[in-house]
Amino acid sequence: MEVEKKNEIDQLFWRIALHDDENAFRFLFLDFFSPLCVFAHRYIDDWETCEDVVQDAFFKIWKNRKTLKINTSGRNFMITIVRNGCIDYLRKKDMETAWRQETLFDKIAPGTEELYTATELETMLNTALSHLPENIRFVFEQSRFEGKTYAEIAVEQQMSVKTVEAYMTKALKQLRVELKDFLPLLLLFL
């Protein structure tokens, strides 16, 4: 049975490559799209991204159907394309993250020669926080330092979630003014 299925998949690839057989491609897509998404999910947590990677794999198969070089089985070929697509996505994501961090650093204090230690940045933040009204400062600290959600803070402080949101908005607005270029860096490390 396993050999028959392998031969059937290989036949589909032949029909796609030699005859531009859209029905064979459609059958291949419908039969393998979901299993390949599950396979991609081993590498990538987001299901939509997994679907995009698998769709790209099928697009490449169709686009390059005349020049495909399948050295193993059709099944292994599809798995390899999806795995490579996942790896490419993860590499690109890592590069984007590194670029964003580098860009953020460039925007924080452009053209200055000053370098602040974590202790100095923490002191700057604590000074700015001391200028906030107590209730706003408390909400900010619960959210950013304790990692509590707005809903958790609202329940504990017996206030609405909208009030917590308003307090956070006020806190961030004042901190943005007082800390200017350093707030993004400070919030990144919180």
N, C-alpha and C. Protein backbone atom coordinates (compact mmCIF):
# COMPACT_ATOMS: atom_id res chain seq x y z
N MET A 1 0.83 -1.20 0.00
CA MET A 1 0.00 0.00 0.00
C MET A 1 0.87 1.26 0.00
N GLU A 2 1.93 1.26 0.83
CA GLU A 2 2.85 2.40 0.93
C GLU A 2 3.53 2.65 -0.41
N VAL A 3 3.94 1.58 -1.09
CA VAL A 3 4.62 1.71 -2.39
C VAL A 3 3.66 2.28 -3.42
N GLU A 4 2.39 1.84 -3.37
CA GLU A 4 1.39 2.36 -4.31
C GLU A 4 1.21 3.86 -4.13
N LYS A 5 1.12 4.30 -2.89
CA LYS A 5 0.94 5.73 -2.60
C LYS A 5 2.15 6.52 -3.09
N LYS A 6 3.35 5.98 -2.87
CA LYS A 6 4.58 6.64 -3.32
C LYS A 6 4.57 6.76 -4.84
N ASN A 7 4.22 5.69 -5.52
CA ASN A 7 4.16 5.71 -6.98
C ASN A 7 3.09 6.69 -7.47
N GLU A 8 1.98 6.75 -6.76
CA GLU A 8 0.89 7.66 -7.14
C GLU A 8 1.36 9.12 -7.04
N ILE A 9 2.08 9.46 -5.99
CA ILE A 9 2.60 10.82 -5.81
C ILE A 9 3.61 11.13 -6.90
N ASP A 10 4.49 10.19 -7.17
CA ASP A 10 5.49 10.40 -8.21
C ASP A 10 4.83 10.58 -9.58
N GLN A 11 3.76 9.81 -9.83
CA GLN A 11 3.01 9.95 -11.08
C GLN A 11 2.38 11.35 -11.20
N LEU A 12 1.88 11.85 -10.07
CA LEU A 12 1.31 13.20 -10.08
C LEU A 12 2.38 14.22 -10.49
N PHE A 13 3.57 14.09 -9.93
CA PHE A 13 4.65 15.01 -10.30
C PHE A 13 5.00 14.89 -11.79
N TRP A 14 5.00 13.69 -12.32
CA TRP A 14 5.26 13.51 -13.74
C TRP A 14 4.19 14.19 -14.58
N ARG A 15 2.95 14.00 -14.20
CA ARG A 15 1.84 14.62 -14.95
C ARG A 15 1.92 16.14 -14.89
N ILE A 16 2.31 16.66 -13.74
CA ILE A 16 2.44 18.11 -13.58
C ILE A 16 3.58 18.62 -14.45
N ALA A 17 4.71 17.94 -14.40
CA ALA A 17 5.91 18.40 -15.12
C ALA A 17 5.78 18.25 -16.63
N LEU A 18 5.28 17.10 -17.08
CA LEU A 18 5.26 16.82 -18.52
C LEU A 18 4.04 17.37 -19.24
N HIS A 19 2.92 17.41 -18.54
CA HIS A 19 1.67 17.76 -19.23
C HIS A 19 0.99 19.01 -18.67
N ASP A 20 1.66 19.72 -17.75
CA ASP A 20 1.05 20.89 -17.10
C ASP A 20 -0.34 20.56 -16.57
N ASP A 21 -0.47 19.40 -15.98
CA ASP A 21 -1.76 18.87 -15.54
C ASP A 21 -2.23 19.58 -14.26
N GLU A 22 -3.17 20.50 -14.44
CA GLU A 22 -3.69 21.27 -13.31
C GLU A 22 -4.48 20.38 -12.35
N ASN A 23 -5.16 19.39 -12.87
CA ASN A 23 -5.92 18.49 -11.99
C ASN A 23 -4.99 17.67 -11.09
N ALA A 24 -3.87 17.24 -11.63
CA ALA A 24 -2.89 16.52 -10.82
C ALA A 24 -2.33 17.43 -9.74
N PHE A 25 -2.06 18.68 -10.11
CA PHE A 25 -1.55 19.63 -9.13
C PHE A 25 -2.60 19.90 -8.06
N ARG A 26 -3.83 20.08 -8.47
CA ARG A 26 -4.93 20.32 -7.52
C ARG A 26 -5.06 19.14 -6.56
N PHE A 27 -4.98 17.92 -7.08
CA PHE A 27 -5.07 16.73 -6.23
C PHE A 27 -3.91 16.69 -5.24
N LEU A 28 -2.70 16.97 -5.72
CA LEU A 28 -1.52 17.01 -4.86
C LEU A 28 -1.69 18.05 -3.76
N PHE A 29 -2.18 19.24 -4.14
CA PHE A 29 -2.38 20.32 -3.18
C PHE A 29 -3.42 19.93 -2.12
N LEU A 30 -4.55 19.44 -2.56
CA LEU A 30 -5.63 19.09 -1.62
C LEU A 30 -5.23 17.93 -0.71
N ASP A 31 -4.45 17.01 -1.23
CA ASP A 31 -4.07 15.84 -0.45
C ASP A 31 -2.97 16.16 0.57
N PHE A 32 -2.11 17.13 0.26
CA PHE A 32 -0.94 17.35 1.12
C PHE A 32 -0.89 18.71 1.83
N PHE A 33 -1.79 19.62 1.51
CA PHE A 33 -1.71 20.94 2.12
C PHE A 33 -1.79 20.85 3.65
N SER A 34 -2.80 20.22 4.19
CA SER A 34 -2.96 20.15 5.65
C SER A 34 -1.82 19.40 6.34
N PRO A 35 -1.44 18.21 5.84
CA PRO A 35 -0.32 17.52 6.50
C PRO A 35 0.98 18.33 6.47
N LEU A 36 1.22 19.06 5.37
CA LEU A 36 2.43 19.86 5.31
C LEU A 36 2.36 21.06 6.26
N CYS A 37 1.16 21.60 6.48
CA CYS A 37 1.00 22.68 7.47
C CYS A 37 1.32 22.16 8.87
N VAL A 38 0.87 20.95 9.18
CA VAL A 38 1.18 20.34 10.47
C VAL A 38 2.70 20.15 10.59
N PHE A 39 3.33 19.71 9.52
CA PHE A 39 4.79 19.55 9.52
C PHE A 39 5.47 20.90 9.74
N ALA A 40 5.03 21.94 9.05
CA ALA A 40 5.63 23.27 9.20
C ALA A 40 5.47 23.80 10.62
N HIS A 41 4.40 23.39 11.28
CA HIS A 41 4.14 23.85 12.65
C HIS A 41 5.18 23.32 13.64
N ARG A 42 5.94 22.32 13.25
CA ARG A 42 7.05 21.85 14.10
C ARG A 42 8.13 22.94 14.20
N TYR A 43 8.21 23.78 13.19
CA TYR A 43 9.24 24.82 13.14
C TYR A 43 8.69 26.20 13.53
N ILE A 44 7.45 26.48 13.12
CA ILE A 44 6.87 27.81 13.27
C ILE A 44 5.59 27.70 14.08
N ASP A 45 5.45 28.56 15.08
CA ASP A 45 4.28 28.48 15.97
C ASP A 45 3.00 29.03 15.36
N ASP A 46 3.08 30.00 14.50
CA ASP A 46 1.92 30.68 13.94
C ASP A 46 1.33 29.88 12.77
N TRP A 47 0.06 29.49 12.90
CA TRP A 47 -0.57 28.65 11.87
C TRP A 47 -0.69 29.38 10.54
N GLU A 48 -1.02 30.66 10.56
CA GLU A 48 -1.15 31.40 9.31
C GLU A 48 0.18 31.43 8.56
N THR A 49 1.26 31.61 9.29
CA THR A 49 2.58 31.61 8.66
C THR A 49 2.88 30.23 8.08
N CYS A 50 2.51 29.18 8.80
CA CYS A 50 2.70 27.81 8.28
C CYS A 50 1.96 27.64 6.97
N GLU A 51 0.72 28.11 6.92
CA GLU A 51 -0.06 28.01 5.69
C GLU A 51 0.62 28.79 4.56
N ASP A 52 1.14 29.98 4.88
CA ASP A 52 1.83 30.77 3.86
C ASP A 52 3.06 30.03 3.32
N VAL A 53 3.82 29.42 4.22
CA VAL A 53 5.03 28.69 3.81
C VAL A 53 4.65 27.52 2.89
N VAL A 54 3.60 26.79 3.25
CA VAL A 54 3.17 25.65 2.43
C VAL A 54 2.63 26.13 1.09
N GLN A 55 1.86 27.21 1.09
CA GLN A 55 1.37 27.76 -0.18
C GLN A 55 2.53 28.18 -1.08
N ASP A 56 3.54 28.81 -0.48
CA ASP A 56 4.72 29.18 -1.25
C ASP A 56 5.41 27.95 -1.84
N ALA A 57 5.45 26.88 -1.07
CA ALA A 57 6.07 25.64 -1.56
C ALA A 57 5.32 25.12 -2.79
N PHE A 58 3.99 25.11 -2.71
CA PHE A 58 3.21 24.65 -3.87
C PHE A 58 3.35 25.60 -5.05
N PHE A 59 3.44 26.89 -4.76
CA PHE A 59 3.66 27.86 -5.83
C PHE A 59 4.98 27.57 -6.55
N LYS A 60 6.04 27.28 -5.77
CA LYS A 60 7.35 26.97 -6.36
C LYS A 60 7.27 25.69 -7.19
N ILE A 61 6.53 24.70 -6.70
CA ILE A 61 6.39 23.45 -7.46
C ILE A 61 5.76 23.74 -8.81
N TRP A 62 4.67 24.50 -8.81
CA TRP A 62 3.97 24.78 -10.06
C TRP A 62 4.84 25.66 -10.97
N LYS A 63 5.43 26.69 -10.42
CA LYS A 63 6.23 27.63 -11.21
C LYS A 63 7.44 26.94 -11.85
N ASN A 64 8.06 26.04 -11.10
CA ASN A 64 9.28 25.37 -11.59
C ASN A 64 9.01 23.94 -12.08
N ARG A 65 7.78 23.65 -12.42
CA ARG A 65 7.39 22.27 -12.75
C ARG A 65 8.20 21.67 -13.89
N LYS A 66 8.65 22.49 -14.81
CA LYS A 66 9.38 21.98 -15.98
C LYS A 66 10.84 21.66 -15.65
N THR A 67 11.35 22.23 -14.55
CA THR A 67 12.77 22.05 -14.23
C THR A 67 12.99 21.35 -12.90
N LEU A 68 11.94 20.76 -12.34
CA LEU A 68 12.08 20.09 -11.05
C LEU A 68 13.05 18.91 -11.15
N LYS A 69 13.90 18.82 -10.16
CA LYS A 69 14.84 17.69 -10.07
C LYS A 69 14.51 16.97 -8.76
N ILE A 70 13.78 15.89 -8.87
CA ILE A 70 13.39 15.14 -7.68
C ILE A 70 14.28 13.92 -7.58
N ASN A 71 15.19 13.96 -6.62
CA ASN A 71 16.16 12.87 -6.45
C ASN A 71 15.64 11.79 -5.51
N THR A 72 14.65 12.13 -4.71
CA THR A 72 14.05 11.16 -3.79
C THR A 72 12.62 10.95 -4.22
N SER A 73 11.76 10.69 -3.28
CA SER A 73 10.34 10.55 -3.62
C SER A 73 9.68 11.92 -3.66
N GLY A 74 8.52 11.99 -4.28
CA GLY A 74 7.76 13.23 -4.33
C GLY A 74 7.38 13.72 -2.94
N ARG A 75 7.06 12.78 -2.06
CA ARG A 75 6.70 13.12 -0.68
C ARG A 75 7.89 13.78 0.02
N ASN A 76 9.07 13.18 -0.08
CA ASN A 76 10.27 13.75 0.54
C ASN A 76 10.63 15.10 -0.08
N PHE A 77 10.40 15.22 -1.37
CA PHE A 77 10.66 16.47 -2.05
C PHE A 77 9.80 17.59 -1.47
N MET A 78 8.51 17.33 -1.27
CA MET A 78 7.62 18.34 -0.71
C MET A 78 8.01 18.69 0.73
N ILE A 79 8.36 17.69 1.51
CA ILE A 79 8.79 17.93 2.89
C ILE A 79 10.04 18.80 2.92
N THR A 80 10.98 18.52 2.01
CA THR A 80 12.22 19.30 1.95
C THR A 80 11.93 20.75 1.58
N ILE A 81 11.05 20.97 0.61
CA ILE A 81 10.71 22.34 0.21
C ILE A 81 10.08 23.09 1.38
N VAL A 82 9.16 22.45 2.10
CA VAL A 82 8.49 23.11 3.23
C VAL A 82 9.49 23.37 4.36
N ARG A 83 10.33 22.38 4.67
CA ARG A 83 11.33 22.57 5.73
C ARG A 83 12.25 23.74 5.37
N ASN A 84 12.72 23.80 4.13
CA ASN A 84 13.59 24.90 3.70
C ASN A 84 12.85 26.24 3.77
N GLY A 85 11.56 26.23 3.43
CA GLY A 85 10.75 27.45 3.54
C GLY A 85 10.64 27.92 4.98
N CYS A 86 10.47 26.97 5.91
CA CYS A 86 10.41 27.31 7.33
C CYS A 86 11.73 27.89 7.81
N ILE A 87 12.82 27.26 7.41
CA ILE A 87 14.15 27.74 7.82
C ILE A 87 14.41 29.14 7.25
N ASP A 88 14.04 29.35 5.99
CA ASP A 88 14.20 30.67 5.38
C ASP A 88 13.38 31.72 6.14
N TYR A 89 12.14 31.36 6.48
CA TYR A 89 11.28 32.29 7.23
C TYR A 89 11.92 32.64 8.57
N LEU A 90 12.41 31.62 9.29
CA LEU A 90 12.99 31.86 10.61
C LEU A 90 14.27 32.70 10.50
N ARG A 91 15.08 32.44 9.48
CA ARG A 91 16.29 33.26 9.26
C ARG A 91 15.91 34.71 9.00
N LYS A 92 14.93 34.89 8.13
CA LYS A 92 14.48 36.24 7.78
C LYS A 92 13.94 36.95 9.02
N LYS A 93 13.17 36.23 9.81
CA LYS A 93 12.62 36.80 11.04
C LYS A 93 13.73 37.22 12.00
N ASP A 94 14.76 36.37 12.15
CA ASP A 94 15.90 36.70 13.01
C ASP A 94 16.63 37.93 12.49
N MET A 95 16.81 38.01 11.17
CA MET A 95 17.48 39.17 10.58
C MET A 95 16.67 40.43 10.80
N GLU A 96 15.34 40.35 10.66
CA GLU A 96 14.49 41.51 10.88
C GLU A 96 14.56 41.97 12.33
N THR A 97 14.57 41.01 13.25
CA THR A 97 14.66 41.34 14.67
C THR A 97 15.98 42.04 14.96
N ALA A 98 17.06 41.51 14.43
CA ALA A 98 18.37 42.13 14.63
C ALA A 98 18.41 43.52 14.02
N TRP A 99 17.83 43.67 12.84
CA TRP A 99 17.80 44.97 12.18
C TRP A 99 16.98 45.96 12.99
N ARG A 100 15.83 45.53 13.49
CA ARG A 100 14.99 46.43 14.31
C ARG A 100 15.72 46.86 15.57
N GLN A 101 16.40 45.94 16.20
CA GLN A 101 17.13 46.29 17.42
C GLN A 101 18.24 47.28 17.09
N GLU A 102 18.93 47.06 15.99
CA GLU A 102 20.00 47.97 15.58
C GLU A 102 19.43 49.33 15.22
N THR A 103 18.32 49.36 14.50
CA THR A 103 17.67 50.61 14.12
C THR A 103 17.17 51.34 15.35
N LEU A 104 16.59 50.60 16.29
CA LEU A 104 16.10 51.20 17.54
C LEU A 104 17.27 51.83 18.28
N PHE A 105 18.38 51.14 18.35
CA PHE A 105 19.55 51.68 19.03
C PHE A 105 20.03 52.95 18.34
N ASP A 106 20.02 52.96 17.00
CA ASP A 106 20.44 54.15 16.25
C ASP A 106 19.52 55.34 16.51
N LYS A 107 18.23 55.08 16.71
CA LYS A 107 17.26 56.16 16.93
C LYS A 107 17.27 56.67 18.36
N ILE A 108 17.78 55.88 19.27
CA ILE A 108 17.71 56.25 20.68
C ILE A 108 18.51 57.50 20.98
N ALA A 109 19.74 57.54 20.56
CA ALA A 109 20.58 58.70 20.84
C ALA A 109 21.51 58.95 19.66
N PRO A 110 20.95 59.41 18.54
CA PRO A 110 21.79 59.56 17.36
C PRO A 110 22.84 60.65 17.55
N GLY A 111 24.06 60.32 17.14
CA GLY A 111 25.11 61.31 17.14
C GLY A 111 25.72 61.62 18.50
N THR A 112 25.31 60.93 19.53
CA THR A 112 25.90 61.22 20.84
C THR A 112 26.97 60.20 21.14
N GLU A 113 27.88 60.60 21.98
CA GLU A 113 28.96 59.72 22.38
C GLU A 113 28.70 59.14 23.76
N GLU A 114 27.53 59.45 24.33
CA GLU A 114 27.23 59.00 25.68
C GLU A 114 26.78 57.55 25.68
N LEU A 115 27.23 56.84 26.65
CA LEU A 115 26.82 55.47 26.84
C LEU A 115 26.40 55.33 28.30
N TYR A 116 25.17 54.88 28.49
CA TYR A 116 24.65 54.76 29.84
C TYR A 116 24.65 53.31 30.27
N THR A 117 25.01 53.09 31.50
CA THR A 117 24.95 51.74 32.05
C THR A 117 23.50 51.42 32.40
N ALA A 118 23.23 50.16 32.61
CA ALA A 118 21.88 49.75 33.00
C ALA A 118 21.48 50.42 34.31
N THR A 119 22.42 50.59 35.21
CA THR A 119 22.14 51.24 36.50
C THR A 119 21.77 52.70 36.28
N GLU A 120 22.49 53.37 35.39
CA GLU A 120 22.18 54.77 35.11
C GLU A 120 20.81 54.91 34.46
N LEU A 121 20.48 54.01 33.53
CA LEU A 121 19.16 54.05 32.90
C LEU A 121 18.07 53.76 33.93
N GLU A 122 18.32 52.84 34.82
CA GLU A 122 17.35 52.51 35.87
C GLU A 122 17.14 53.72 36.79
N THR A 123 18.21 54.42 37.12
CA THR A 123 18.10 55.62 37.95
C THR A 123 17.27 56.69 37.23
N MET A 124 17.52 56.86 35.93
CA MET A 124 16.75 57.83 35.15
C MET A 124 15.26 57.47 35.17
N LEU A 125 14.96 56.19 35.01
CA LEU A 125 13.57 55.75 35.01
C LEU A 125 12.94 55.97 36.39
N ASN A 126 13.65 55.60 37.44
CA ASN A 126 13.10 55.77 38.79
C ASN A 126 12.83 57.24 39.11
N THR A 127 13.72 58.12 38.66
CA THR A 127 13.51 59.55 38.87
C THR A 127 12.27 60.02 38.13
N ALA A 128 12.12 59.59 36.88
CA ALA A 128 10.94 59.97 36.10
C ALA A 128 9.67 59.39 36.72
N LEU A 129 9.74 58.15 37.21
CA LEU A 129 8.57 57.53 37.85
C LEU A 129 8.18 58.28 39.12
N SER A 130 9.16 58.82 39.85
CA SER A 130 8.85 59.52 41.09
C SER A 130 8.06 60.80 40.83
N HIS A 131 8.08 61.31 39.60
CA HIS A 131 7.33 62.52 39.25
C HIS A 131 5.88 62.21 38.90
N LEU A 132 5.55 60.93 38.75
CA LEU A 132 4.17 60.55 38.42
C LEU A 132 3.30 60.55 39.68
N PRO A 133 2.01 60.84 39.52
CA PRO A 133 1.09 60.67 40.67
C PRO A 133 1.14 59.21 41.13
N GLU A 134 0.95 58.99 42.40
CA GLU A 134 1.14 57.67 43.01
C GLU A 134 0.29 56.58 42.34
N ASN A 135 -1.00 56.88 42.09
CA ASN A 135 -1.87 55.86 41.51
C ASN A 135 -1.44 55.49 40.08
N ILE A 136 -0.99 56.47 39.32
CA ILE A 136 -0.54 56.21 37.95
C ILE A 136 0.77 55.43 37.97
N ARG A 137 1.69 55.84 38.85
CA ARG A 137 2.96 55.14 38.99
C ARG A 137 2.74 53.68 39.39
N PHE A 138 1.82 53.45 40.34
CA PHE A 138 1.54 52.09 40.81
C PHE A 138 1.05 51.21 39.67
N VAL A 139 0.11 51.74 38.88
CA VAL A 139 -0.43 50.98 37.74
C VAL A 139 0.68 50.67 36.75
N PHE A 140 1.52 51.66 36.44
CA PHE A 140 2.63 51.45 35.51
C PHE A 140 3.56 50.36 36.02
N GLU A 141 3.94 50.43 37.27
CA GLU A 141 4.86 49.45 37.84
C GLU A 141 4.26 48.06 37.86
N GLN A 142 2.97 47.95 38.17
CA GLN A 142 2.32 46.64 38.17
C GLN A 142 2.32 46.03 36.78
N SER A 143 2.08 46.88 35.78
CA SER A 143 2.03 46.39 34.40
C SER A 143 3.43 46.04 33.88
N ARG A 144 4.37 46.97 34.01
CA ARG A 144 5.68 46.80 33.39
C ARG A 144 6.66 45.99 34.21
N PHE A 145 6.63 46.14 35.53
CA PHE A 145 7.60 45.44 36.37
C PHE A 145 7.08 44.11 36.87
N GLU A 146 5.78 44.04 37.17
CA GLU A 146 5.20 42.80 37.71
C GLU A 146 4.61 41.93 36.61
N GLY A 147 4.44 42.49 35.42
CA GLY A 147 3.92 41.72 34.29
C GLY A 147 2.44 41.42 34.38
N LYS A 148 1.70 42.21 35.13
CA LYS A 148 0.27 41.97 35.28
C LYS A 148 -0.49 42.57 34.10
N THR A 149 -1.60 41.93 33.77
CA THR A 149 -2.44 42.45 32.70
C THR A 149 -3.28 43.60 33.24
N TYR A 150 -3.83 44.37 32.32
CA TYR A 150 -4.68 45.48 32.73
C TYR A 150 -5.89 44.96 33.52
N ALA A 151 -6.42 43.83 33.10
CA ALA A 151 -7.58 43.25 33.78
C ALA A 151 -7.22 42.85 35.22
N GLU A 152 -6.05 42.25 35.41
CA GLU A 152 -5.62 41.86 36.75
C GLU A 152 -5.45 43.08 37.65
N ILE A 153 -4.86 44.13 37.12
CA ILE A 153 -4.67 45.36 37.89
C ILE A 153 -6.02 45.97 38.25
N ALA A 154 -6.93 45.97 37.27
CA ALA A 154 -8.26 46.55 37.50
C ALA A 154 -8.98 45.83 38.63
N VAL A 155 -8.91 44.51 38.64
CA VAL A 155 -9.58 43.73 39.69
C VAL A 155 -8.95 44.02 41.05
N GLU A 156 -7.62 43.99 41.11
CA GLU A 156 -6.91 44.22 42.37
C GLU A 156 -7.16 45.62 42.93
N GLN A 157 -7.23 46.61 42.06
CA GLN A 157 -7.36 48.00 42.50
C GLN A 157 -8.81 48.48 42.50
N GLN A 158 -9.72 47.58 42.14
CA GLN A 158 -11.15 47.87 42.10
C GLN A 158 -11.43 49.11 41.23
N MET A 159 -10.93 49.03 40.00
CA MET A 159 -11.18 50.09 39.03
C MET A 159 -11.46 49.42 37.69
N SER A 160 -11.93 50.19 36.74
CA SER A 160 -12.23 49.62 35.43
C SER A 160 -10.96 49.45 34.61
N VAL A 161 -11.04 48.58 33.64
CA VAL A 161 -9.90 48.37 32.74
C VAL A 161 -9.61 49.66 31.98
N LYS A 162 -10.65 50.42 31.64
CA LYS A 162 -10.47 51.69 30.93
C LYS A 162 -9.66 52.67 31.78
N THR A 163 -9.87 52.66 33.08
CA THR A 163 -9.11 53.54 33.97
C THR A 163 -7.64 53.12 33.97
N VAL A 164 -7.39 51.82 34.03
CA VAL A 164 -6.02 51.32 33.99
C VAL A 164 -5.36 51.75 32.67
N GLU A 165 -6.09 51.60 31.56
CA GLU A 165 -5.56 52.02 30.26
C GLU A 165 -5.25 53.51 30.25
N ALA A 166 -6.14 54.31 30.82
CA ALA A 166 -5.93 55.76 30.87
C ALA A 166 -4.70 56.10 31.71
N TYR A 167 -4.52 55.42 32.82
CA TYR A 167 -3.35 55.65 33.67
C TYR A 167 -2.07 55.29 32.93
N MET A 168 -2.08 54.17 32.22
CA MET A 168 -0.90 53.76 31.47
C MET A 168 -0.59 54.78 30.36
N THR A 169 -1.61 55.28 29.70
CA THR A 169 -1.42 56.29 28.66
C THR A 169 -0.78 57.54 29.25
N LYS A 170 -1.30 57.99 30.40
CA LYS A 170 -0.73 59.18 31.06
C LYS A 170 0.72 58.93 31.48
N ALA A 171 0.98 57.76 32.04
CA ALA A 171 2.34 57.43 32.48
C ALA A 171 3.30 57.45 31.30
N LEU A 172 2.94 56.78 30.23
CA LEU A 172 3.82 56.71 29.07
C LEU A 172 4.03 58.08 28.43
N LYS A 173 2.97 58.88 28.42
CA LYS A 173 3.08 60.22 27.85
C LYS A 173 4.08 61.06 28.65
N GLN A 174 3.96 61.05 29.97
CA GLN A 174 4.88 61.83 30.81
C GLN A 174 6.30 61.27 30.75
N LEU A 175 6.43 59.95 30.74
CA LEU A 175 7.76 59.35 30.65
C LEU A 175 8.42 59.66 29.30
N ARG A 176 7.61 59.70 28.25
CA ARG A 176 8.14 60.04 26.94
C ARG A 176 8.74 61.45 26.94
N VAL A 177 8.07 62.36 27.63
CA VAL A 177 8.56 63.73 27.71
C VAL A 177 9.84 63.79 28.54
N GLU A 178 9.82 63.16 29.70
CA GLU A 178 10.96 63.24 30.61
C GLU A 178 12.18 62.46 30.12
N LEU A 179 11.94 61.32 29.50
CA LEU A 179 13.07 60.46 29.12
C LEU A 179 13.44 60.58 27.65
N LYS A 180 12.66 61.31 26.91
CA LYS A 180 12.88 61.57 25.49
C LYS A 180 13.34 60.33 24.73
N ASP A 181 14.58 60.33 24.30
CA ASP A 181 15.10 59.27 23.41
C ASP A 181 15.34 57.95 24.12
N PHE A 182 15.31 57.93 25.43
CA PHE A 182 15.69 56.72 26.16
C PHE A 182 14.51 55.81 26.50
N LEU A 183 13.28 56.30 26.39
CA LEU A 183 12.13 55.50 26.78
C LEU A 183 12.02 54.19 25.99
N PRO A 184 12.18 54.19 24.66
CA PRO A 184 12.08 52.91 23.95
C PRO A 184 13.09 51.88 24.47
N LEU A 185 14.29 52.33 24.75
CA LEU A 185 15.32 51.41 25.27
C LEU A 185 14.93 50.90 26.65
N LEU A 186 14.45 51.80 27.50
CA LEU A 186 14.05 51.39 28.85
C LEU A 186 12.89 50.40 28.80
N LEU A 187 11.90 50.66 27.95
CA LEU A 187 10.75 49.75 27.86
C LEU A 187 11.16 48.42 27.26
N LEU A 188 12.17 48.43 26.40
CA LEU A 188 12.67 47.18 25.83
C LEU A 188 13.27 46.29 26.90
N PHE A 189 13.92 46.87 27.88
CA PHE A 189 14.56 46.10 28.93
C PHE A 189 13.65 45.78 30.09
N LEU A 190 12.44 46.36 30.14
CA LEU A 190 11.53 46.09 31.25
C LEU A 190 10.98 44.69 31.15
